[in-house]
PDB file of all heavy atoms in Angstrom:
ATOM      1  N   THR A   1     -64.558 -22.542  14.206  1.00  0.00           N
ATOM      2  CA  THR A   1     -66.016 -22.520  14.199  1.00  0.00           C
ATOM      3  C   THR A   1     -66.509 -21.485  15.208  1.00  0.00           C
ATOM      4  O   THR A   1     -66.209 -21.571  16.397  1.00  0.00           O
ATOM      5  CB  THR A   1     -66.587 -23.903  14.557  1.00  0.00           C
ATOM      6  OG1 THR A   1     -66.150 -24.862  13.588  1.00  0.00           O
ATOM      7  CG2 THR A   1     -68.114 -23.862  14.569  1.00  0.00           C
ATOM      8  N   LEU A   2     -67.254 -20.506  14.715  1.00  0.00           N
ATOM      9  CA  LEU A   2     -67.822 -19.456  15.564  1.00  0.00           C
ATOM     10  C   LEU A   2     -69.329 -19.421  15.345  1.00  0.00           C
ATOM     11  O   LEU A   2     -69.783 -19.319  14.210  1.00  0.00           O
ATOM     12  CB  LEU A   2     -67.221 -18.098  15.208  1.00  0.00           C
ATOM     13  CG  LEU A   2     -65.705 -17.932  15.393  1.00  0.00           C
ATOM     14  CD1 LEU A   2     -65.239 -16.639  14.728  1.00  0.00           C
ATOM     15  CD2 LEU A   2     -65.356 -17.925  16.870  1.00  0.00           C
ATOM     16  N   ASP A   3     -70.103 -19.500  16.423  1.00  0.00           N
ATOM     17  CA  ASP A   3     -71.559 -19.433  16.267  1.00  0.00           C
ATOM     18  C   ASP A   3     -72.048 -18.000  16.089  1.00  0.00           C
ATOM     19  O   ASP A   3     -73.025 -17.742  15.375  1.00  0.00           O
ATOM     20  CB  ASP A   3     -72.265 -20.107  17.446  1.00  0.00           C
ATOM     21  CG  ASP A   3     -71.807 -19.587  18.802  1.00  0.00           C
ATOM     22  OD1 ASP A   3     -70.874 -18.751  18.857  1.00  0.00           O
ATOM     23  OD2 ASP A   3     -72.378 -20.030  19.821  1.00  0.00           O
ATOM     24  N   PHE A   4     -71.355 -17.059  16.721  1.00  0.00           N
ATOM     25  CA  PHE A   4     -71.683 -15.640  16.614  1.00  0.00           C
ATOM     26  C   PHE A   4     -70.385 -14.839  16.585  1.00  0.00           C
ATOM     27  O   PHE A   4     -69.344 -15.309  17.037  1.00  0.00           O
ATOM     28  CB  PHE A   4     -72.488 -15.150  17.834  1.00  0.00           C
ATOM     29  CG  PHE A   4     -73.842 -15.759  18.003  1.00  0.00           C
ATOM     30  CD1 PHE A   4     -74.009 -16.957  18.687  1.00  0.00           C
ATOM     31  CD2 PHE A   4     -74.977 -15.132  17.500  1.00  0.00           C
ATOM     32  CE1 PHE A   4     -75.263 -17.516  18.869  1.00  0.00           C
ATOM     33  CE2 PHE A   4     -76.232 -15.677  17.675  1.00  0.00           C
ATOM     34  CZ  PHE A   4     -76.379 -16.871  18.357  1.00  0.00           C
ATOM     35  N   ILE A   5     -70.474 -13.613  16.103  1.00  0.00           N
ATOM     36  CA  ILE A   5     -69.356 -12.675  16.239  1.00  0.00           C
ATOM     37  C   ILE A   5     -69.918 -11.337  16.727  1.00  0.00           C
ATOM     38  O   ILE A   5     -71.068 -10.995  16.445  1.00  0.00           O
ATOM     39  CB  ILE A   5     -68.544 -12.505  14.940  1.00  0.00           C
ATOM     40  CG1 ILE A   5     -69.419 -12.029  13.769  1.00  0.00           C
ATOM     41  CG2 ILE A   5     -67.835 -13.795  14.592  1.00  0.00           C
ATOM     42  CD1 ILE A   5     -69.265 -10.570  13.451  1.00  0.00           C
ATOM     43  N   ASP A   6     -69.082 -10.595  17.473  1.00  0.00           N
ATOM     44  CA  ASP A   6     -69.519  -9.333  18.056  1.00  0.00           C
ATOM     45  C   ASP A   6     -68.781  -8.123  17.499  1.00  0.00           C
ATOM     46  O   ASP A   6     -69.286  -7.004  17.587  1.00  0.00           O
ATOM     47  CB  ASP A   6     -69.339  -9.371  19.575  1.00  0.00           C
ATOM     48  CG  ASP A   6     -70.218 -10.425  20.216  1.00  0.00           C
ATOM     49  OD1 ASP A   6     -71.448 -10.293  20.107  1.00  0.00           O
ATOM     50  OD2 ASP A   6     -69.687 -11.398  20.799  1.00  0.00           O
ATOM     51  N   PHE A   7     -67.580  -8.327  16.964  1.00  0.00           N
ATOM     52  CA  PHE A   7     -66.785  -7.226  16.435  1.00  0.00           C
ATOM     53  C   PHE A   7     -66.232  -7.595  15.061  1.00  0.00           C
ATOM     54  O   PHE A   7     -65.901  -8.752  14.799  1.00  0.00           O
ATOM     55  CB  PHE A   7     -65.621  -6.890  17.367  1.00  0.00           C
ATOM     56  CG  PHE A   7     -66.043  -6.448  18.745  1.00  0.00           C
ATOM     57  CD1 PHE A   7     -66.046  -7.342  19.807  1.00  0.00           C
ATOM     58  CD2 PHE A   7     -66.462  -5.145  18.965  1.00  0.00           C
ATOM     59  CE1 PHE A   7     -66.448  -6.938  21.067  1.00  0.00           C
ATOM     60  CE2 PHE A   7     -66.865  -4.727  20.223  1.00  0.00           C
ATOM     61  CZ  PHE A   7     -66.862  -5.625  21.277  1.00  0.00           C
ATOM     62  N   VAL A   8     -66.127  -6.587  14.206  1.00  0.00           N
ATOM     63  CA  VAL A   8     -65.546  -6.749  12.878  1.00  0.00           C
ATOM     64  C   VAL A   8     -64.387  -5.768  12.752  1.00  0.00           C
ATOM     65  O   VAL A   8     -64.503  -4.609  13.167  1.00  0.00           O
ATOM     66  CB  VAL A   8     -66.581  -6.467  11.772  1.00  0.00           C
ATOM     67  CG1 VAL A   8     -65.934  -6.566  10.390  1.00  0.00           C
ATOM     68  CG2 VAL A   8     -67.759  -7.439  11.874  1.00  0.00           C
ATOM     69  N   ARG A   9     -63.275  -6.226  12.197  1.00  0.00           N
ATOM     70  CA  ARG A   9     -62.116  -5.368  11.965  1.00  0.00           C
ATOM     71  C   ARG A   9     -61.724  -5.480  10.493  1.00  0.00           C
ATOM     72  O   ARG A   9     -61.725  -6.572   9.921  1.00  0.00           O
ATOM     73  CB  ARG A   9     -60.945  -5.775  12.858  1.00  0.00           C
ATOM     74  CG  ARG A   9     -59.658  -4.968  12.632  1.00  0.00           C
ATOM     75  CD  ARG A   9     -58.597  -5.348  13.671  1.00  0.00           C
ATOM     76  NE  ARG A   9     -59.001  -4.887  14.997  1.00  0.00           N
ATOM     77  CZ  ARG A   9     -58.384  -5.250  16.112  1.00  0.00           C
ATOM     78  NH1 ARG A   9     -57.359  -6.103  16.072  1.00  0.00           N
ATOM     79  NH2 ARG A   9     -58.794  -4.782  17.270  1.00  0.00           N
ATOM     80  N   VAL A  10     -61.381  -4.364   9.885  1.00  0.00           N
ATOM     81  CA  VAL A  10     -60.911  -4.334   8.494  1.00  0.00           C
ATOM     82  C   VAL A  10     -59.561  -3.640   8.481  1.00  0.00           C
ATOM     83  O   VAL A  10     -59.404  -2.582   9.103  1.00  0.00           O
ATOM     84  CB  VAL A  10     -61.895  -3.567   7.585  1.00  0.00           C
ATOM     85  CG1 VAL A  10     -61.369  -3.537   6.145  1.00  0.00           C
ATOM     86  CG2 VAL A  10     -63.284  -4.191   7.639  1.00  0.00           C
ATOM     87  N   TYR A  11     -58.573  -4.234   7.791  1.00  0.00           N
ATOM     88  CA  TYR A  11     -57.275  -3.560   7.663  1.00  0.00           C
ATOM     89  C   TYR A  11     -56.763  -3.608   6.227  1.00  0.00           C
ATOM     90  O   TYR A  11     -57.037  -4.556   5.478  1.00  0.00           O
ATOM     91  CB  TYR A  11     -56.241  -4.127   8.635  1.00  0.00           C
ATOM     92  CG  TYR A  11     -55.738  -5.534   8.403  1.00  0.00           C
ATOM     93  CD1 TYR A  11     -54.644  -5.798   7.581  1.00  0.00           C
ATOM     94  CD2 TYR A  11     -56.323  -6.615   9.073  1.00  0.00           C
ATOM     95  CE1 TYR A  11     -54.157  -7.088   7.409  1.00  0.00           C
ATOM     96  CE2 TYR A  11     -55.837  -7.908   8.916  1.00  0.00           C
ATOM     97  CZ  TYR A  11     -54.750  -8.142   8.089  1.00  0.00           C
ATOM     98  OH  TYR A  11     -54.278  -9.426   7.923  1.00  0.00           O
ATOM     99  N   THR A  12     -56.037  -2.559   5.850  1.00  0.00           N
ATOM    100  CA  THR A  12     -55.431  -2.511   4.514  1.00  0.00           C
ATOM    101  C   THR A  12     -54.465  -3.674   4.369  1.00  0.00           C
ATOM    102  O   THR A  12     -53.595  -3.887   5.220  1.00  0.00           O
ATOM    103  CB  THR A  12     -54.684  -1.182   4.308  1.00  0.00           C
ATOM    104  OG1 THR A  12     -55.613  -0.103   4.439  1.00  0.00           O
ATOM    105  CG2 THR A  12     -54.041  -1.138   2.926  1.00  0.00           C
ATOM    106  N   ALA A  13     -54.606  -4.429   3.262  1.00  0.00           N
ATOM    107  CA  ALA A  13     -53.902  -5.710   3.155  1.00  0.00           C
ATOM    108  C   ALA A  13     -52.786  -5.741   2.119  1.00  0.00           C
ATOM    109  O   ALA A  13     -52.166  -6.787   1.912  1.00  0.00           O
ATOM    110  CB  ALA A  13     -54.911  -6.815   2.847  1.00  0.00           C
ATOM    111  N   VAL A  14     -52.493  -4.615   1.445  1.00  0.00           N
ATOM    112  CA  VAL A  14     -51.425  -4.574   0.445  1.00  0.00           C
ATOM    113  C   VAL A  14     -50.456  -3.450   0.798  1.00  0.00           C
ATOM    114  O   VAL A  14     -50.883  -2.337   1.128  1.00  0.00           O
ATOM    115  CB  VAL A  14     -51.990  -4.336  -0.976  1.00  0.00           C
ATOM    116  CG1 VAL A  14     -50.858  -4.205  -1.993  1.00  0.00           C
ATOM    117  CG2 VAL A  14     -52.926  -5.471  -1.380  1.00  0.00           C
ATOM    118  N   ASN A  15     -49.164  -3.749   0.752  1.00  0.00           N
ATOM    119  CA  ASN A  15     -48.132  -2.725   0.938  1.00  0.00           C
ATOM    120  C   ASN A  15     -47.649  -2.325  -0.447  1.00  0.00           C
ATOM    121  O   ASN A  15     -46.847  -3.020  -1.066  1.00  0.00           O
ATOM    122  CB  ASN A  15     -46.980  -3.261   1.785  1.00  0.00           C
ATOM    123  CG  ASN A  15     -45.905  -2.213   2.010  1.00  0.00           C
ATOM    124  OD1 ASN A  15     -46.110  -1.033   1.753  1.00  0.00           O
ATOM    125  ND2 ASN A  15     -44.751  -2.646   2.496  1.00  0.00           N
ATOM    126  N   GLN A  16     -48.147  -1.200  -0.942  1.00  0.00           N
ATOM    127  CA  GLN A  16     -47.910  -0.860  -2.345  1.00  0.00           C
ATOM    128  C   GLN A  16     -48.009   0.642  -2.577  1.00  0.00           C
ATOM    129  O   GLN A  16     -48.893   1.311  -2.037  1.00  0.00           O
ATOM    130  CB  GLN A  16     -48.977  -1.584  -3.183  1.00  0.00           C
ATOM    131  CG  GLN A  16     -49.037  -1.250  -4.640  1.00  0.00           C
ATOM    132  CD  GLN A  16     -50.089  -2.094  -5.342  1.00  0.00           C
ATOM    133  OE1 GLN A  16     -49.767  -3.029  -6.054  1.00  0.00           O
ATOM    134  NE2 GLN A  16     -51.357  -1.775  -5.130  1.00  0.00           N
ATOM    135  N   ASN A  17     -47.108   1.147  -3.398  1.00  0.00           N
ATOM    136  CA  ASN A  17     -47.193   2.528  -3.869  1.00  0.00           C
ATOM    137  C   ASN A  17     -47.466   2.485  -5.377  1.00  0.00           C
ATOM    138  O   ASN A  17     -46.691   1.902  -6.141  1.00  0.00           O
ATOM    139  CB  ASN A  17     -45.889   3.275  -3.592  1.00  0.00           C
ATOM    140  CG  ASN A  17     -45.920   4.682  -4.143  1.00  0.00           C
ATOM    141  OD1 ASN A  17     -46.899   5.398  -3.970  1.00  0.00           O
ATOM    142  ND2 ASN A  17     -44.855   5.083  -4.819  1.00  0.00           N
ATOM    143  N   ALA A  18     -48.589   3.082  -5.771  1.00  0.00           N
ATOM    144  CA  ALA A  18     -48.993   3.033  -7.175  1.00  0.00           C
ATOM    145  C   ALA A  18     -48.750   4.386  -7.844  1.00  0.00           C
ATOM    146  O   ALA A  18     -49.689   5.088  -8.243  1.00  0.00           O
ATOM    147  CB  ALA A  18     -50.457   2.630  -7.281  1.00  0.00           C
ATOM    148  N   GLY A  19     -47.501   4.761  -7.945  1.00  0.00           N
ATOM    149  CA  GLY A  19     -47.144   5.980  -8.663  1.00  0.00           C
ATOM    150  C   GLY A  19     -47.862   7.211  -8.162  1.00  0.00           C
ATOM    151  O   GLY A  19     -47.932   7.453  -6.949  1.00  0.00           O
ATOM    152  N   TRP A  20     -48.415   7.994  -9.088  1.00  0.00           N
ATOM    153  CA  TRP A  20     -49.081   9.234  -8.694  1.00  0.00           C
ATOM    154  C   TRP A  20     -50.366   8.985  -7.916  1.00  0.00           C
ATOM    155  O   TRP A  20     -50.888   9.897  -7.251  1.00  0.00           O
ATOM    156  CB  TRP A  20     -49.346  10.117  -9.906  1.00  0.00           C
ATOM    157  CG  TRP A  20     -50.306   9.545 -10.919  1.00  0.00           C
ATOM    158  CD1 TRP A  20     -49.994   8.829 -12.025  1.00  0.00           C
ATOM    159  CD2 TRP A  20     -51.724   9.662 -10.889  1.00  0.00           C
ATOM    160  NE1 TRP A  20     -51.136   8.481 -12.704  1.00  0.00           N
ATOM    161  CE2 TRP A  20     -52.215   8.993 -12.026  1.00  0.00           C
ATOM    162  CE3 TRP A  20     -52.634  10.273 -10.024  1.00  0.00           C
ATOM    163  CZ2 TRP A  20     -53.574   8.895 -12.307  1.00  0.00           C
ATOM    164  CZ3 TRP A  20     -53.990  10.187 -10.309  1.00  0.00           C
ATOM    165  CH2 TRP A  20     -54.444   9.499 -11.445  1.00  0.00           C
ATOM    166  N   LEU A  21     -50.878   7.728  -7.941  1.00  0.00           N
ATOM    167  CA  LEU A  21     -52.041   7.402  -7.111  1.00  0.00           C
ATOM    168  C   LEU A  21     -51.679   7.351  -5.632  1.00  0.00           C
ATOM    169  O   LEU A  21     -52.545   7.479  -4.770  1.00  0.00           O
ATOM    170  CB  LEU A  21     -52.637   6.049  -7.527  1.00  0.00           C
ATOM    171  CG  LEU A  21     -53.375   5.973  -8.862  1.00  0.00           C
ATOM    172  CD1 LEU A  21     -53.849   4.550  -9.100  1.00  0.00           C
ATOM    173  CD2 LEU A  21     -54.554   6.935  -8.887  1.00  0.00           C
ATOM    174  N   GLY A  22     -50.422   7.134  -5.340  1.00  0.00           N
ATOM    175  CA  GLY A  22     -49.977   7.044  -3.950  1.00  0.00           C
ATOM    176  C   GLY A  22     -50.137   5.652  -3.378  1.00  0.00           C
ATOM    177  O   GLY A  22     -50.247   4.654  -4.106  1.00  0.00           O
ATOM    178  N   GLU A  23     -50.124   5.576  -2.051  1.00  0.00           N
ATOM    179  CA  GLU A  23     -50.218   4.282  -1.359  1.00  0.00           C
ATOM    180  C   GLU A  23     -51.588   3.649  -1.596  1.00  0.00           C
ATOM    181  O   GLU A  23     -52.595   4.351  -1.775  1.00  0.00           O
ATOM    182  CB  GLU A  23     -49.968   4.453   0.143  1.00  0.00           C
ATOM    183  CG  GLU A  23     -51.138   4.967   0.966  1.00  0.00           C
ATOM    184  CD  GLU A  23     -51.451   6.433   0.760  1.00  0.00           C
ATOM    185  OE1 GLU A  23     -50.578   7.162   0.231  1.00  0.00           O
ATOM    186  OE2 GLU A  23     -52.565   6.871   1.134  1.00  0.00           O
ATOM    187  N   THR A  24     -51.598   2.326  -1.616  1.00  0.00           N
ATOM    188  CA  THR A  24     -52.865   1.602  -1.680  1.00  0.00           C
ATOM    189  C   THR A  24     -53.465   1.613  -0.284  1.00  0.00           C
ATOM    190  O   THR A  24     -52.838   1.161   0.680  1.00  0.00           O
ATOM    191  CB  THR A  24     -52.636   0.158  -2.155  1.00  0.00           C
ATOM    192  OG1 THR A  24     -52.136   0.190  -3.503  1.00  0.00           O
ATOM    193  CG2 THR A  24     -53.918  -0.646  -2.113  1.00  0.00           C
ATOM    194  N   SER A  25     -54.687   2.140  -0.164  1.00  0.00           N
ATOM    195  CA  SER A  25     -55.321   2.279   1.159  1.00  0.00           C
ATOM    196  C   SER A  25     -56.785   1.882   1.074  1.00  0.00           C
ATOM    197  O   SER A  25     -57.546   2.416   0.259  1.00  0.00           O
ATOM    198  CB  SER A  25     -55.207   3.725   1.663  1.00  0.00           C
ATOM    199  OG  SER A  25     -55.802   4.623   0.752  1.00  0.00           O
ATOM    200  N   THR A  26     -57.163   0.929   1.901  1.00  0.00           N
ATOM    201  CA  THR A  26     -58.558   0.483   1.958  1.00  0.00           C
ATOM    202  C   THR A  26     -59.435   1.595   2.525  1.00  0.00           C
ATOM    203  O   THR A  26     -59.056   2.260   3.488  1.00  0.00           O
ATOM    204  CB  THR A  26     -58.671  -0.774   2.835  1.00  0.00           C
ATOM    205  OG1 THR A  26     -57.831  -1.802   2.300  1.00  0.00           O
ATOM    206  CG2 THR A  26     -60.113  -1.274   2.890  1.00  0.00           C
ATOM    207  N   GLU A  27     -60.588   1.783   1.917  1.00  0.00           N
ATOM    208  CA  GLU A  27     -61.589   2.705   2.450  1.00  0.00           C
ATOM    209  C   GLU A  27     -62.845   1.918   2.835  1.00  0.00           C
ATOM    210  O   GLU A  27     -63.193   0.927   2.188  1.00  0.00           O
ATOM    211  CB  GLU A  27     -61.959   3.789   1.434  1.00  0.00           C
ATOM    212  CG  GLU A  27     -61.064   5.012   1.468  1.00  0.00           C
ATOM    213  CD  GLU A  27     -59.733   4.789   0.789  1.00  0.00           C
ATOM    214  OE1 GLU A  27     -59.728   4.347  -0.369  1.00  0.00           O
ATOM    215  OE2 GLU A  27     -58.692   5.057   1.427  1.00  0.00           O
ATOM    216  N   VAL A  28     -63.511   2.368   3.881  1.00  0.00           N
ATOM    217  CA  VAL A  28     -64.747   1.739   4.361  1.00  0.00           C
ATOM    218  C   VAL A  28     -65.851   2.785   4.364  1.00  0.00           C
ATOM    219  O   VAL A  28     -65.646   3.917   4.816  1.00  0.00           O
ATOM    220  CB  VAL A  28     -64.558   1.162   5.780  1.00  0.00           C
ATOM    221  CG1 VAL A  28     -65.880   0.612   6.328  1.00  0.00           C
ATOM    222  CG2 VAL A  28     -63.492   0.068   5.780  1.00  0.00           C
ATOM    223  N   THR A  29     -67.038   2.394   3.855  1.00  0.00           N
ATOM    224  CA  THR A  29     -68.166   3.323   3.824  1.00  0.00           C
ATOM    225  C   THR A  29     -69.401   2.791   4.545  1.00  0.00           C
ATOM    226  O   THR A  29     -70.423   3.485   4.591  1.00  0.00           O
ATOM    227  CB  THR A  29     -68.545   3.679   2.374  1.00  0.00           C
ATOM    228  OG1 THR A  29     -68.891   2.475   1.662  1.00  0.00           O
ATOM    229  CG2 THR A  29     -67.398   4.376   1.661  1.00  0.00           C
ATOM    230  N   GLY A  30     -69.321   1.590   5.115  1.00  0.00           N
ATOM    231  CA  GLY A  30     -70.461   1.067   5.863  1.00  0.00           C
ATOM    232  C   GLY A  30     -70.437  -0.441   5.957  1.00  0.00           C
ATOM    233  O   GLY A  30     -69.571  -1.108   5.380  1.00  0.00           O
ATOM    234  N   ALA A  31     -71.399  -0.997   6.693  1.00  0.00           N
ATOM    235  CA  ALA A  31     -71.524  -2.448   6.839  1.00  0.00           C
ATOM    236  C   ALA A  31     -72.915  -2.782   7.341  1.00  0.00           C
ATOM    237  O   ALA A  31     -73.594  -1.932   7.940  1.00  0.00           O
ATOM    238  CB  ALA A  31     -70.471  -2.988   7.804  1.00  0.00           C
ATOM    239  N   GLU A  32     -73.345  -4.020   7.096  1.00  0.00           N
ATOM    240  CA  GLU A  32     -74.657  -4.440   7.580  1.00  0.00           C
ATOM    241  C   GLU A  32     -74.716  -5.943   7.806  1.00  0.00           C
ATOM    242  O   GLU A  32     -73.992  -6.717   7.174  1.00  0.00           O
ATOM    243  CB  GLU A  32     -75.756  -4.031   6.601  1.00  0.00           C
ATOM    244  CG  GLU A  32     -75.676  -4.679   5.241  1.00  0.00           C
ATOM    245  CD  GLU A  32     -76.803  -4.224   4.313  1.00  0.00           C
ATOM    246  OE1 GLU A  32     -76.649  -3.153   3.693  1.00  0.00           O
ATOM    247  OE2 GLU A  32     -77.828  -4.935   4.239  1.00  0.00           O
ATOM    248  N   ASP A  33     -75.571  -6.329   8.740  1.00  0.00           N
ATOM    249  CA  ASP A  33     -75.913  -7.724   8.984  1.00  0.00           C
ATOM    250  C   ASP A  33     -76.828  -8.151   7.840  1.00  0.00           C
ATOM    251  O   ASP A  33     -77.871  -7.533   7.601  1.00  0.00           O
ATOM    252  CB  ASP A  33     -76.617  -7.835  10.336  1.00  0.00           C
ATOM    253  CG  ASP A  33     -77.006  -9.265  10.716  1.00  0.00           C
ATOM    254  OD1 ASP A  33     -76.999 -10.144   9.837  1.00  0.00           O
ATOM    255  OD2 ASP A  33     -77.354  -9.482  11.892  1.00  0.00           O
ATOM    256  N   LEU A  34     -76.463  -9.209   7.135  1.00  0.00           N
ATOM    257  CA  LEU A  34     -77.244  -9.644   5.975  1.00  0.00           C
ATOM    258  C   LEU A  34     -78.457 -10.491   6.337  1.00  0.00           C
ATOM    259  O   LEU A  34     -79.261 -10.827   5.462  1.00  0.00           O
ATOM    260  CB  LEU A  34     -76.350 -10.415   5.004  1.00  0.00           C
ATOM    261  CG  LEU A  34     -75.330  -9.566   4.246  1.00  0.00           C
ATOM    262  CD1 LEU A  34     -74.417 -10.448   3.402  1.00  0.00           C
ATOM    263  CD2 LEU A  34     -76.020  -8.519   3.373  1.00  0.00           C
ATOM    264  N   HIS A  35     -78.601 -10.832   7.612  1.00  0.00           N
ATOM    265  CA  HIS A  35     -79.767 -11.629   8.026  1.00  0.00           C
ATOM    266  C   HIS A  35     -80.165 -11.239   9.453  1.00  0.00           C
ATOM    267  O   HIS A  35     -80.087 -12.042  10.377  1.00  0.00           O
ATOM    268  CB  HIS A  35     -79.473 -13.125   7.931  1.00  0.00           C
ATOM    269  CG  HIS A  35     -78.141 -13.543   8.466  1.00  0.00           C
ATOM    270  ND1 HIS A  35     -77.771 -13.359   9.793  1.00  0.00           N
ATOM    271  CD2 HIS A  35     -77.075 -14.125   7.873  1.00  0.00           C
ATOM    272  CE1 HIS A  35     -76.557 -13.835   9.974  1.00  0.00           C
ATOM    273  NE2 HIS A  35     -76.106 -14.289   8.823  1.00  0.00           N
ATOM    274  N   LEU A  36     -80.578 -10.002   9.607  1.00  0.00           N
ATOM    275  CA  LEU A  36     -80.897  -9.451  10.925  1.00  0.00           C
ATOM    276  C   LEU A  36     -81.886 -10.321  11.691  1.00  0.00           C
ATOM    277  O   LEU A  36     -81.662 -10.653  12.862  1.00  0.00           O
ATOM    278  CB  LEU A  36     -81.460  -8.032  10.773  1.00  0.00           C
ATOM    279  CG  LEU A  36     -81.977  -7.362  12.050  1.00  0.00           C
ATOM    280  CD1 LEU A  36     -80.867  -7.197  13.061  1.00  0.00           C
ATOM    281  CD2 LEU A  36     -82.619  -6.018  11.725  1.00  0.00           C
ATOM    282  N   GLU A  37     -82.991 -10.683  11.065  1.00  0.00           N
ATOM    283  CA  GLU A  37     -84.013 -11.458  11.773  1.00  0.00           C
ATOM    284  C   GLU A  37     -83.476 -12.805  12.234  1.00  0.00           C
ATOM    285  O   GLU A  37     -83.787 -13.263  13.341  1.00  0.00           O
ATOM    286  CB  GLU A  37     -85.243 -11.642  10.883  1.00  0.00           C
ATOM    287  CG  GLU A  37     -85.997 -10.340  10.614  1.00  0.00           C
ATOM    288  CD  GLU A  37     -87.242 -10.557   9.796  1.00  0.00           C
ATOM    289  OE1 GLU A  37     -87.514 -11.728   9.427  1.00  0.00           O
ATOM    290  OE2 GLU A  37     -87.942  -9.569   9.508  1.00  0.00           O
TER     291      GLU A  37
END
């Protein structure tokens, strides 16, 4: 149980090589608080 959080971490969660696509790698393009007020 956490009332607040201050840091967020994201990590690639699959160890996989998908042929000519290469390694499976998570990409991040942004984030937001869904209830700022």
